[in-house]
C-alpha cells in the first residue's frame, strides 16, 4: 500500500532530519548538506517512495 507524504515526513524527522521550509504542498528537509523535497500527497508513487527511502538510508 502506498505511503502518504505525511508518513514519509514523520519518518525523516524521526531519523534526525530538520524541516527547512514548505512551499505549497512540498516540504524540504535537510540533514547536513543533504536536501530532500517531500510532496505532501495522500499517496506517493512507487518510484518516488523508493527513492525517498533510499535517500533516508543514505543520510
Protein backbone atom coordinates (compact mmCIF):
# COMPACT_ATOMS: atom_id res chain seq x y z
CA UNK A 1 0.00 0.00 0.00
CA UNK A 2 1.42 3.42 -0.95
CA UNK A 3 2.56 5.68 1.87
CA UNK A 4 1.49 9.28 2.26
CA UNK A 5 3.82 12.26 2.23
CA UNK A 6 2.86 12.93 5.84
CA UNK A 7 4.06 9.45 6.89
CA UNK A 8 7.31 9.90 4.97
CA UNK A 9 7.91 13.28 6.61
CA UNK A 10 7.41 11.73 10.07
CA UNK A 11 9.99 9.07 9.25
CA UNK A 12 12.54 11.66 8.07
CA UNK A 13 12.02 13.83 11.16
CA UNK A 14 12.36 10.75 13.37
CA UNK A 15 15.74 10.00 11.80
CA UNK A 16 17.11 13.42 12.73
CA UNK A 17 16.31 15.40 9.58
CA UNK A 18 15.18 19.01 10.04
CA UNK A 19 12.22 20.69 8.33
CA UNK A 20 13.71 23.65 6.47
CA UNK A 21 10.78 25.14 4.59
CA UNK A 22 7.41 24.48 2.99
CA UNK A 23 6.04 25.94 -0.20
CA UNK A 24 2.54 24.82 -1.03
CA UNK A 25 2.28 21.06 -0.74
CA UNK A 26 6.05 20.39 -0.79
CA UNK A 27 8.24 20.23 2.33
CA UNK A 28 12.02 20.47 2.12
CA UNK A 29 14.00 18.68 4.82
CA UNK A 30 17.74 18.63 5.36
CA UNK A 31 20.48 16.87 7.25
CA UNK A 32 23.99 18.22 6.93
CA UNK A 33 24.42 19.17 3.28
CA UNK A 34 21.70 16.80 2.02
CA UNK A 35 18.32 18.21 0.97
CA UNK A 36 15.15 16.30 0.05
CA UNK A 37 11.77 17.61 -1.06
CA UNK A 38 8.78 15.57 0.05
CA UNK A 39 5.38 16.19 -1.58
CA UNK A 40 2.51 16.13 0.91
CA UNK A 41 0.28 13.93 -1.25
CA UNK A 42 -2.18 11.34 0.04
CA UNK A 43 -0.32 8.60 -1.85
CA UNK A 44 3.25 8.70 -3.15
CA UNK A 45 4.01 6.91 -6.39
CA UNK A 46 6.03 3.72 -6.08
CA UNK A 47 9.24 5.09 -7.65
CA UNK A 48 9.20 8.28 -5.61
CA UNK A 49 8.59 6.34 -2.41
CA UNK A 50 11.57 4.04 -3.10
CA UNK A 51 13.82 6.99 -3.98
CA UNK A 52 12.90 8.82 -0.76
CA UNK A 53 13.54 5.69 1.33
CA UNK A 54 16.93 5.23 -0.37
CA UNK A 55 17.93 8.82 0.45
CA UNK A 56 16.75 8.34 4.04
CA UNK A 57 19.08 5.37 4.50
CA UNK A 58 21.96 7.31 2.89
CA UNK A 59 21.70 10.27 5.22
